[in-house]
N, C-alpha and C. Protein backbone atom coordinates (compact mmCIF):
# COMPACT_ATOMS: atom_id res chain seq x y z
N MET A 1 81.89 -12.48 -46.86
CA MET A 1 81.71 -12.16 -45.48
C MET A 1 82.58 -11.28 -45.50
N LYS A 2 82.43 -10.79 -44.30
CA LYS A 2 84.18 -9.25 -43.86
C LYS A 2 84.99 -9.56 -42.66
N GLU A 3 85.27 -9.94 -42.37
CA GLU A 3 86.11 -9.91 -40.99
C GLU A 3 85.74 -8.73 -40.64
N ILE A 4 85.97 -9.21 -38.89
CA ILE A 4 85.36 -8.22 -37.77
C ILE A 4 86.81 -7.54 -37.54
N THR A 5 86.67 -5.86 -37.78
CA THR A 5 87.54 -5.13 -37.42
C THR A 5 88.18 -5.36 -35.98
N THR A 6 89.30 -5.17 -35.31
CA THR A 6 89.45 -4.57 -34.03
C THR A 6 88.34 -3.97 -32.96
N ARG A 7 88.32 -2.45 -34.25
CA ARG A 7 87.43 -1.70 -33.22
C ARG A 7 85.98 -2.38 -32.98
N GLU A 8 85.46 -2.76 -34.10
CA GLU A 8 83.78 -3.35 -34.25
C GLU A 8 84.00 -4.75 -33.10
N THR A 9 85.13 -5.12 -32.49
CA THR A 9 85.41 -6.32 -31.62
C THR A 9 85.14 -6.05 -30.47
N GLY A 10 85.95 -4.48 -29.98
CA GLY A 10 85.83 -3.64 -29.26
C GLY A 10 84.84 -2.88 -28.48
N MET A 11 83.69 -2.84 -29.42
CA MET A 11 82.49 -2.38 -29.71
C MET A 11 81.65 -3.38 -29.19
N LEU A 12 81.98 -4.60 -29.81
CA LEU A 12 80.70 -5.69 -29.72
C LEU A 12 81.39 -5.94 -28.05
N LEU A 13 82.89 -6.10 -28.02
CA LEU A 13 82.95 -6.62 -26.32
C LEU A 13 82.51 -4.87 -25.57
N LEU A 14 82.39 -3.84 -25.81
CA LEU A 14 81.76 -3.25 -24.79
C LEU A 14 80.12 -3.88 -24.69
N LEU A 15 79.61 -3.77 -25.46
CA LEU A 15 78.02 -4.16 -25.85
C LEU A 15 77.60 -4.93 -24.74
N LEU A 16 78.70 -6.35 -25.43
CA LEU A 16 78.59 -7.44 -24.47
C LEU A 16 78.78 -7.45 -22.62
N ALA A 17 79.21 -6.30 -22.46
CA ALA A 17 79.82 -5.61 -21.04
C ALA A 17 78.61 -5.08 -20.28
N ILE A 18 77.81 -4.71 -21.35
CA ILE A 18 76.88 -3.23 -20.80
C ILE A 18 75.84 -4.27 -20.51
N GLY A 19 75.70 -4.85 -21.32
CA GLY A 19 74.54 -6.22 -21.33
C GLY A 19 74.55 -6.91 -20.42
N PHE A 20 76.18 -7.31 -20.16
CA PHE A 20 76.18 -8.03 -18.69
C PHE A 20 76.02 -7.29 -17.77
N GLY A 21 76.10 -6.48 -17.69
CA GLY A 21 76.23 -5.78 -16.72
C GLY A 21 74.76 -4.95 -16.06
N ALA A 22 73.56 -4.56 -17.19
CA ALA A 22 72.69 -4.71 -17.24
C ALA A 22 71.13 -5.22 -16.83
N ILE A 23 71.90 -6.82 -17.44
CA ILE A 23 70.67 -7.57 -16.93
C ILE A 23 71.46 -8.52 -15.05
N MET A 24 72.85 -8.02 -14.44
CA MET A 24 72.59 -8.00 -13.61
C MET A 24 72.61 -7.20 -12.49
N VAL A 25 72.49 -6.13 -13.32
CA VAL A 25 71.79 -5.18 -12.61
C VAL A 25 70.51 -5.71 -12.24
N ILE A 26 70.03 -5.66 -13.25
CA ILE A 26 68.11 -5.84 -13.04
C ILE A 26 67.94 -7.17 -12.69
N PHE A 27 68.63 -8.46 -12.83
CA PHE A 27 68.34 -9.70 -12.01
C PHE A 27 69.02 -9.96 -10.80
N VAL A 28 69.67 -9.28 -10.41
CA VAL A 28 70.94 -9.82 -9.48
C VAL A 28 71.00 -8.36 -8.39
N ILE A 29 71.68 -7.50 -8.75
CA ILE A 29 71.08 -6.47 -8.29
C ILE A 29 70.46 -5.37 -7.37
N ILE A 30 69.15 -5.64 -8.04
CA ILE A 30 68.39 -4.83 -7.99
C ILE A 30 67.62 -5.37 -6.94
N PRO A 31 67.03 -7.43 -7.08
CA PRO A 31 66.47 -7.44 -6.37
C PRO A 31 67.34 -7.60 -4.55
N LEU A 32 68.64 -8.13 -4.64
CA LEU A 32 69.27 -7.76 -3.81
C LEU A 32 69.79 -6.75 -2.75
N HIS A 33 69.06 -5.54 -3.32
CA HIS A 33 68.45 -4.38 -2.91
C HIS A 33 67.38 -4.38 -1.66
N ASN A 34 66.88 -4.90 -2.61
CA ASN A 34 65.35 -4.97 -2.15
C ASN A 34 65.17 -5.54 -1.05
N ARG A 35 65.46 -7.14 -0.86
CA ARG A 35 65.51 -7.90 0.49
C ARG A 35 66.67 -7.37 1.02
N LEU A 36 67.55 -6.81 0.70
CA LEU A 36 68.62 -6.16 1.91
C LEU A 36 67.15 -5.17 2.76
N LEU A 37 66.98 -4.08 1.88
CA LEU A 37 66.14 -3.12 2.49
C LEU A 37 65.04 -3.70 3.34
N ASP A 38 64.11 -5.06 2.61
CA ASP A 38 63.55 -5.77 3.79
C ASP A 38 63.90 -6.38 4.63
N GLU A 39 64.85 -6.84 4.61
CA GLU A 39 65.65 -7.23 5.47
C GLU A 39 65.57 -6.03 6.62
N ARG A 40 66.07 -5.13 6.48
CA ARG A 40 66.34 -3.92 7.52
C ARG A 40 65.52 -3.59 8.38
N GLY A 41 63.99 -3.84 7.32
CA GLY A 41 62.86 -3.62 7.90
C GLY A 41 62.49 -4.51 9.11
N ALA A 42 62.54 -5.60 9.01
CA ALA A 42 62.66 -6.27 9.43
C ALA A 42 63.33 -6.31 10.97
N TYR A 43 64.91 -6.21 10.58
CA TYR A 43 65.47 -5.77 11.71
C TYR A 43 65.37 -4.96 12.65
N SER A 44 64.73 -3.18 11.85
CA SER A 44 64.14 -2.48 12.57
C SER A 44 62.65 -2.47 13.82
N PHE A 45 61.73 -3.46 13.26
CA PHE A 45 60.62 -4.14 13.54
C PHE A 45 61.17 -4.67 14.75
N LEU A 46 62.31 -5.84 14.37
CA LEU A 46 62.29 -7.01 15.84
C LEU A 46 63.10 -5.78 16.76
N TYR A 47 63.98 -5.35 16.38
CA TYR A 47 64.50 -4.96 17.43
C TYR A 47 63.51 -3.31 18.35
N GLU A 48 62.73 -2.66 17.82
CA GLU A 48 62.28 -2.06 18.54
C GLU A 48 60.97 -3.09 19.41
N GLU A 49 60.85 -3.98 19.05
CA GLU A 49 59.82 -5.00 19.80
C GLU A 49 61.01 -5.75 21.00
N ARG A 50 61.63 -5.93 20.50
CA ARG A 50 62.54 -6.07 21.62
C ARG A 50 63.26 -5.13 22.77
N GLY A 51 63.12 -3.98 22.23
CA GLY A 51 63.61 -3.23 23.05
C GLY A 51 62.05 -2.80 24.32
N GLN A 52 60.24 -2.88 23.54
CA GLN A 52 59.71 -3.41 23.63
C GLN A 52 59.06 -4.42 25.57
N ILE A 53 60.35 -5.38 24.93
CA ILE A 53 60.05 -6.81 25.72
C ILE A 53 61.03 -6.44 26.71
N ASP A 54 62.18 -6.06 26.60
CA ASP A 54 62.84 -5.22 28.21
C ASP A 54 61.84 -4.38 28.53
N ALA A 55 61.10 -3.27 28.04
CA ALA A 55 60.68 -2.41 28.25
C ALA A 55 60.32 -3.50 29.74
N LEU A 56 59.19 -4.29 29.57
CA LEU A 56 58.15 -4.76 30.02
C LEU A 56 59.24 -6.01 30.76
N LEU A 57 59.77 -6.67 30.61
CA LEU A 57 60.95 -7.40 31.61
C LEU A 57 61.27 -6.35 32.88
N GLU A 58 62.12 -5.20 32.30
CA GLU A 58 62.01 -4.18 33.49
C GLU A 58 60.99 -3.94 34.38
N THR A 59 60.18 -3.87 34.08
CA THR A 59 58.71 -3.87 34.88
C THR A 59 58.09 -4.52 35.16
N GLU A 60 58.65 -5.89 35.10
CA GLU A 60 57.28 -7.54 35.60
C GLU A 60 57.20 -7.66 36.80
N PRO A 61 58.63 -6.84 37.82
CA PRO A 61 57.68 -6.84 39.30
C PRO A 61 57.17 -6.43 39.78
N ILE A 62 57.44 -4.68 38.73
CA ILE A 62 56.35 -3.62 39.53
C ILE A 62 54.34 -4.21 39.17
N ILE A 63 55.01 -4.74 37.44
CA ILE A 63 53.35 -5.40 37.49
C ILE A 63 52.66 -6.18 38.26
N ARG A 64 54.08 -7.33 38.70
CA ARG A 64 53.23 -8.50 39.83
C ARG A 64 52.58 -8.13 41.19
N SER A 65 53.87 -6.99 41.26
CA SER A 65 53.41 -7.00 42.47
C SER A 65 51.40 -5.89 42.95
N ILE A 66 51.70 -5.11 41.58
CA ILE A 66 50.00 -4.45 40.86
C ILE A 66 49.14 -5.25 41.25
N HIS A 67 49.50 -6.81 40.08
CA HIS A 67 48.84 -7.59 40.30
C HIS A 67 48.56 -7.95 41.87
N ALA A 68 49.52 -8.51 42.33
CA ALA A 68 49.11 -9.33 44.01
C ALA A 68 48.55 -7.78 44.56
N GLU A 69 48.46 -6.97 44.77
CA GLU A 69 47.70 -6.03 45.20
C GLU A 69 46.74 -5.84 44.28
N ALA A 70 45.66 -5.88 43.74
CA ALA A 70 44.65 -6.61 42.94
C ALA A 70 43.89 -7.52 43.43
N ALA A 71 44.79 -8.60 43.41
CA ALA A 71 44.32 -9.31 44.03
C ALA A 71 43.80 -10.12 45.26
N ALA A 72 44.74 -9.14 46.46
CA ALA A 72 44.27 -8.90 47.02
C ALA A 72 42.91 -7.93 48.00
N SER A 73 43.12 -7.04 47.48
CA SER A 73 42.39 -6.35 47.40
C SER A 73 40.00 -6.52 46.70
N HIS A 74 40.95 -8.05 45.56
CA HIS A 74 39.48 -7.96 45.11
C HIS A 74 39.27 -9.26 46.11
N LYS A 75 39.78 -10.27 46.73
CA LYS A 75 39.49 -11.54 47.69
C LYS A 75 38.81 -10.13 48.75
N LYS A 76 39.18 -8.84 48.87
CA LYS A 76 38.91 -8.98 50.14
C LYS A 76 37.41 -8.36 49.82
N LEU A 77 36.97 -7.33 48.97
CA LEU A 77 35.86 -6.90 48.75
C LEU A 77 35.12 -8.10 48.60
N THR A 78 35.53 -9.44 47.59
CA THR A 78 34.26 -10.22 47.72
C THR A 78 33.88 -10.87 49.24
N ALA A 79 34.97 -10.58 50.13
CA ALA A 79 34.96 -11.28 50.88
C ALA A 79 33.87 -10.45 51.78
N ARG A 80 34.37 -9.22 51.76
CA ARG A 80 33.02 -7.87 52.47
C ARG A 80 31.87 -8.49 51.99
N PHE A 81 31.95 -8.65 50.22
CA PHE A 81 30.20 -8.43 49.61
C PHE A 81 29.81 -9.65 50.36
N LEU A 82 30.26 -11.03 50.23
CA LEU A 82 29.72 -11.48 50.85
C LEU A 82 28.89 -11.64 51.97
N ASP A 83 30.59 -10.92 53.22
CA ASP A 83 29.54 -11.13 54.49
C ASP A 83 28.07 -9.80 54.43
N GLU A 84 28.15 -8.84 53.86
CA GLU A 84 27.14 -7.71 53.57
C GLU A 84 26.22 -8.15 53.13
N SER A 85 26.35 -9.16 51.76
CA SER A 85 25.01 -10.36 51.44
C SER A 85 24.60 -11.19 52.71
N HIS A 86 25.46 -11.95 53.16
CA HIS A 86 24.84 -12.28 54.63
C HIS A 86 24.18 -11.84 55.34
N LEU A 87 24.94 -10.59 55.40
CA LEU A 87 24.25 -9.80 56.68
C LEU A 87 22.35 -9.53 55.55
N SER A 88 22.38 -9.09 55.09
CA SER A 88 20.83 -8.36 54.60
C SER A 88 20.30 -9.65 54.70
N GLN A 89 20.27 -11.37 54.49
CA GLN A 89 20.10 -12.63 54.42
C GLN A 89 20.07 -12.17 55.61
N VAL A 90 20.59 -12.79 57.17
CA VAL A 90 20.41 -12.83 58.16
C VAL A 90 19.31 -12.14 58.43
N GLY A 91 19.00 -10.79 58.04
CA GLY A 91 18.33 -9.50 58.72
C GLY A 91 17.07 -9.76 57.99
N ARG A 92 16.53 -10.67 56.58
CA ARG A 92 15.54 -10.74 56.60
C ARG A 92 14.78 -12.21 56.80
N MET A 93 15.55 -13.31 57.17
CA MET A 93 15.58 -14.16 57.91
C MET A 93 14.89 -14.63 59.19
N LEU A 94 15.76 -13.08 59.51
CA LEU A 94 15.25 -13.39 61.68
C LEU A 94 13.58 -12.56 61.53
N THR A 95 14.03 -10.95 60.56
CA THR A 95 12.27 -10.51 60.23
C THR A 95 11.37 -12.14 60.00
N ARG A 96 11.22 -12.49 58.86
CA ARG A 96 10.49 -13.85 58.67
C ARG A 96 9.85 -14.18 59.62
N LEU A 97 11.40 -14.74 60.74
CA LEU A 97 11.25 -15.76 61.42
C LEU A 97 10.31 -14.81 62.78
N ASN A 98 10.71 -14.36 63.02
CA ASN A 98 9.54 -13.32 63.81
C ASN A 98 8.40 -12.87 63.58
N GLU A 99 7.81 -12.49 62.58
CA GLU A 99 6.44 -11.67 61.97
C GLU A 99 6.21 -13.57 62.09
N ALA A 100 6.73 -14.82 60.98
CA ALA A 100 6.03 -15.97 61.34
C ALA A 100 5.61 -16.68 62.49
N HIS A 101 6.17 -16.12 63.84
CA HIS A 101 5.26 -16.35 65.16
C HIS A 101 4.69 -15.50 65.62
N GLY A 102 4.12 -13.97 65.39
CA GLY A 102 2.86 -13.58 65.53
C GLY A 102 3.74 -12.66 66.47
N LEU A 103 4.98 -11.99 65.90
CA LEU A 103 5.87 -11.05 66.58
C LEU A 103 6.17 -10.15 65.40
N SER A 104 6.07 -8.44 66.02
CA SER A 104 6.57 -7.86 64.88
C SER A 104 7.82 -6.89 65.05
N PRO A 105 8.17 -7.01 64.53
CA PRO A 105 9.50 -6.29 64.36
C PRO A 105 9.67 -4.80 64.98
N ILE A 106 10.32 -4.06 65.65
CA ILE A 106 10.49 -2.69 65.67
C ILE A 106 11.91 -2.34 65.23
N ASP A 107 12.45 -2.90 66.10
CA ASP A 107 14.32 -3.02 65.45
C ASP A 107 14.74 -3.95 65.27
N GLN A 108 16.36 -3.91 64.46
CA GLN A 108 17.24 -4.33 64.90
C GLN A 108 18.39 -4.30 64.57
N ARG A 109 19.10 -4.76 64.75
CA ARG A 109 21.26 -4.80 64.38
C ARG A 109 22.33 -5.81 64.72
N LEU A 110 22.18 -5.60 63.65
CA LEU A 110 23.21 -6.81 63.30
C LEU A 110 24.38 -6.71 63.14
N SER A 111 25.45 -7.46 64.19
CA SER A 111 26.69 -7.28 63.66
C SER A 111 27.37 -7.75 62.73
N ALA A 112 28.69 -7.06 62.24
CA ALA A 112 29.49 -7.76 61.73
C ALA A 112 29.89 -8.78 61.85
N PRO A 113 30.06 -9.46 60.40
CA PRO A 113 30.55 -11.25 60.42
C PRO A 113 31.92 -11.19 60.78
N MET A 114 31.87 -12.27 61.69
CA MET A 114 32.86 -12.59 62.75
C MET A 114 34.03 -14.46 61.89
N GLU A 115 34.65 -14.90 62.38
CA GLU A 115 34.96 -16.01 61.62
C GLU A 115 34.85 -16.54 62.88
N PHE A 116 34.85 -18.15 63.41
CA PHE A 116 35.40 -18.58 64.28
C PHE A 116 36.85 -19.32 64.34
N GLU A 117 37.52 -19.29 65.33
CA GLU A 117 38.87 -19.53 65.09
C GLU A 117 39.22 -21.18 64.41
N GLY A 118 39.70 -20.58 64.07
CA GLY A 118 40.23 -22.29 62.78
C GLY A 118 38.83 -22.59 61.93
N GLY A 119 38.49 -22.12 61.64
CA GLY A 119 37.21 -22.28 60.67
C GLY A 119 36.32 -20.92 59.74
N GLU A 120 37.60 -21.15 58.79
CA GLU A 120 37.51 -19.43 58.14
C GLU A 120 36.38 -19.67 57.16
N ASN A 121 35.91 -20.46 56.66
CA ASN A 121 34.58 -20.97 55.72
C ASN A 121 33.10 -20.30 56.82
N PHE A 122 33.26 -20.32 58.31
CA PHE A 122 32.57 -20.30 58.84
C PHE A 122 32.18 -18.63 59.42
N LEU A 123 30.92 -17.99 59.48
CA LEU A 123 30.82 -16.70 60.06
C LEU A 123 29.62 -16.90 61.27
N PHE A 124 29.75 -15.68 62.06
CA PHE A 124 28.81 -15.81 63.25
C PHE A 124 28.59 -14.77 63.15
N VAL A 125 27.01 -14.56 63.15
CA VAL A 125 26.61 -12.74 63.32
C VAL A 125 25.72 -12.62 64.89
N THR A 126 25.81 -11.57 65.53
CA THR A 126 25.26 -11.64 66.43
C THR A 126 23.96 -10.30 66.18
N ALA A 127 22.55 -10.90 66.26
CA ALA A 127 21.63 -9.87 65.74
C ALA A 127 20.92 -9.56 67.14
N ASP A 128 20.55 -7.96 67.61
CA ASP A 128 19.79 -7.78 68.53
C ASP A 128 18.76 -6.92 68.01
N MET A 129 17.34 -7.65 68.40
CA MET A 129 16.63 -7.55 68.06
C MET A 129 15.56 -6.79 69.30
N THR A 130 14.46 -5.77 68.79
CA THR A 130 13.12 -5.69 69.40
C THR A 130 12.36 -5.94 68.54
N VAL A 131 10.68 -6.76 69.32
CA VAL A 131 9.96 -6.78 68.71
C VAL A 131 8.55 -6.88 69.23
N ASN A 132 7.20 -6.85 69.20
CA ASN A 132 6.14 -6.12 69.90
C ASN A 132 5.69 -8.33 69.85
N GLY A 133 5.18 -8.71 70.87
CA GLY A 133 4.69 -10.08 70.93
C GLY A 133 4.00 -10.34 72.25
N THR A 134 2.74 -11.47 72.49
CA THR A 134 2.98 -12.08 73.47
C THR A 134 3.70 -12.82 74.05
N TYR A 135 3.36 -13.19 74.95
CA TYR A 135 4.53 -14.90 75.96
C TYR A 135 4.03 -15.47 75.34
N ASP A 136 2.63 -15.71 74.39
CA ASP A 136 2.77 -17.24 74.22
C ASP A 136 3.48 -17.07 72.70
N ASP A 137 3.80 -15.78 71.76
CA ASP A 137 4.05 -16.04 70.25
C ASP A 137 6.38 -16.21 71.22
N LEU A 138 6.31 -16.06 72.01
CA LEU A 138 7.78 -15.16 72.29
C LEU A 138 8.30 -17.55 72.85
N LYS A 139 7.24 -17.98 73.24
CA LYS A 139 7.44 -19.00 73.30
C LYS A 139 7.44 -20.22 72.37
N ARG A 140 6.83 -19.90 71.24
CA ARG A 140 6.54 -20.93 70.09
C ARG A 140 8.03 -20.04 69.04
N LEU A 141 8.01 -18.84 69.34
CA LEU A 141 9.79 -18.32 68.52
C LEU A 141 10.78 -19.47 69.16
N LEU A 142 10.60 -19.23 70.44
CA LEU A 142 12.10 -20.95 71.51
C LEU A 142 11.47 -21.93 70.90
N ASP A 143 10.34 -22.66 70.90
CA ASP A 143 10.84 -23.89 70.76
C ASP A 143 11.28 -24.23 69.32
N THR A 144 10.88 -23.58 67.96
CA THR A 144 11.48 -22.98 66.46
C THR A 144 12.64 -23.42 66.80
N VAL A 145 13.76 -21.97 67.17
CA VAL A 145 14.99 -21.98 67.25
C VAL A 145 15.78 -22.96 67.56
N GLU A 146 14.89 -23.38 69.18
CA GLU A 146 15.69 -24.67 69.30
C GLU A 146 15.83 -25.98 68.69
N GLN A 147 15.21 -25.91 67.38
CA GLN A 147 15.08 -27.04 66.87
C GLN A 147 16.13 -27.09 65.79
N THR A 148 16.71 -25.00 65.30
CA THR A 148 17.72 -25.37 64.50
C THR A 148 18.97 -25.65 64.79
N GLU A 149 20.15 -25.17 63.80
CA GLU A 149 21.62 -26.07 64.46
C GLU A 149 22.06 -25.07 64.34
N TYR A 150 21.81 -23.67 63.36
CA TYR A 150 22.17 -22.61 62.94
C TYR A 150 21.95 -21.31 63.60
N LEU A 151 20.72 -21.45 64.87
CA LEU A 151 20.51 -20.45 65.34
C LEU A 151 20.18 -20.31 66.93
N ARG A 152 20.89 -19.66 67.19
CA ARG A 152 20.45 -19.94 68.41
C ARG A 152 20.13 -18.50 70.12
N ILE A 153 19.58 -18.16 70.51
CA ILE A 153 18.72 -16.90 71.42
C ILE A 153 19.30 -17.17 72.52
N SER A 154 20.78 -15.84 72.48
CA SER A 154 21.34 -15.86 74.04
C SER A 154 21.07 -14.84 74.69
N ARG A 155 20.03 -14.21 74.77
CA ARG A 155 19.40 -13.36 75.56
C ARG A 155 18.04 -12.94 75.95
N ILE A 156 17.03 -12.83 76.42
CA ILE A 156 15.89 -12.07 75.93
C ILE A 156 15.40 -11.00 77.38
N SER A 157 14.70 -10.20 76.91
CA SER A 157 13.96 -9.59 78.09
C SER A 157 13.34 -8.60 77.85
N PHE A 158 11.68 -8.77 78.43
CA PHE A 158 11.10 -8.29 77.89
C PHE A 158 9.98 -7.21 78.82
N SER A 159 9.10 -6.21 78.57
CA SER A 159 8.79 -5.33 79.53
C SER A 159 7.08 -5.74 79.78
N LEU A 160 6.76 -6.22 80.90
CA LEU A 160 5.56 -6.04 81.28
C LEU A 160 4.48 -5.05 80.89
N GLY A 161 3.34 -5.76 80.85
CA GLY A 161 1.98 -4.78 80.96
C GLY A 161 1.56 -4.60 80.13
N GLY A 162 -0.03 -5.12 79.56
CA GLY A 162 -0.33 -4.91 78.69
C GLY A 162 -0.95 -6.21 77.66
N GLU A 163 -1.69 -6.27 76.69
CA GLU A 163 -1.03 -7.60 75.67
C GLU A 163 -0.31 -7.74 74.82
N ASN A 164 0.19 -7.34 74.01
CA ASN A 164 2.16 -7.04 73.50
C ASN A 164 3.05 -6.32 74.55
N LYS A 165 3.48 -7.30 74.53
CA LYS A 165 4.73 -6.77 75.61
C LYS A 165 6.06 -6.61 74.34
N ARG A 166 6.70 -5.20 75.08
CA ARG A 166 7.79 -5.18 74.24
C ARG A 166 9.36 -6.70 74.27
N ILE A 167 9.71 -7.02 73.57
CA ILE A 167 10.47 -8.51 73.79
C ILE A 167 11.90 -7.33 72.84
N SER A 168 12.98 -7.76 73.67
CA SER A 168 14.43 -7.64 73.15
C SER A 168 15.39 -8.99 72.78
N LEU A 169 15.25 -9.28 71.68
CA LEU A 169 16.08 -10.59 71.65
C LEU A 169 17.35 -10.75 70.88
N SER A 170 18.31 -11.18 71.51
CA SER A 170 19.95 -11.32 70.90
C SER A 170 19.98 -13.41 70.06
N PHE A 171 20.18 -13.26 69.19
CA PHE A 171 20.31 -14.02 68.30
C PHE A 171 21.95 -14.23 68.11
N GLU A 172 22.64 -15.15 68.03
CA GLU A 172 23.33 -15.58 67.27
C GLU A 172 23.58 -16.74 65.76
N VAL A 173 23.95 -16.17 64.74
CA VAL A 173 23.25 -16.89 63.72
C VAL A 173 24.64 -18.09 63.04
N THR A 174 25.15 -18.94 62.63
CA THR A 174 26.31 -19.86 62.44
C THR A 174 25.70 -19.73 60.73
N MET A 175 26.89 -19.16 59.89
CA MET A 175 26.84 -19.30 58.73
C MET A 175 28.05 -19.40 57.89
N ILE A 176 27.20 -20.35 56.69
CA ILE A 176 28.58 -20.33 55.76
C ILE A 176 28.47 -19.55 54.73
N ARG A 177 30.80 -18.81 55.10
CA ARG A 177 30.77 -17.59 53.95
C ARG A 177 30.35 -18.82 52.48
N GLY A 178 29.82 -17.89 51.44
CA GLY A 178 29.73 -18.13 50.16
C GLY A 178 28.76 -18.89 50.08
N VAL A 179 27.72 -19.24 50.66
CA VAL A 179 25.75 -19.73 50.67
C VAL A 179 25.38 -18.87 50.97
N ALA A 180 24.88 -18.94 49.14
CA ALA A 180 23.66 -18.38 49.38
C ALA A 180 22.59 -18.71 50.25
């Protein structure tokens, strides 16, 4: 066996250093670099997300006020829809009531529903109607209306002459809001 010379020892140490450096680059530095890039990407994503959250937090009072306005508008439209729905139901109910008693409706006008003081769930509607019919038909209608709790006739006028008379009635109808 031959002894290793100083030159060979230097070359061997250089080869070991290069090998150690290559192993360090492949197994340590490159994975650390890739992890650093991944962390920078995640940091950039979180930074952008934080910016979006900050922007939302700045606009939160505006969004809350818009939401409050939309909720109030929705409530108003729902109440209006219910009121109009009640009106159409009241109109149909009064027409059927008059026809059931032999009175022929000519004209009908309904007031906008009004709330009772202190009773937000109750609505009050005045209905003015003109009908054709006889006195006996009107009397039967009055007897029926007298038996109801939600309907009252506040004014009656009729013209004289002929078999059928023109009769003007003013109904007061009490309704419960939200009940179809």
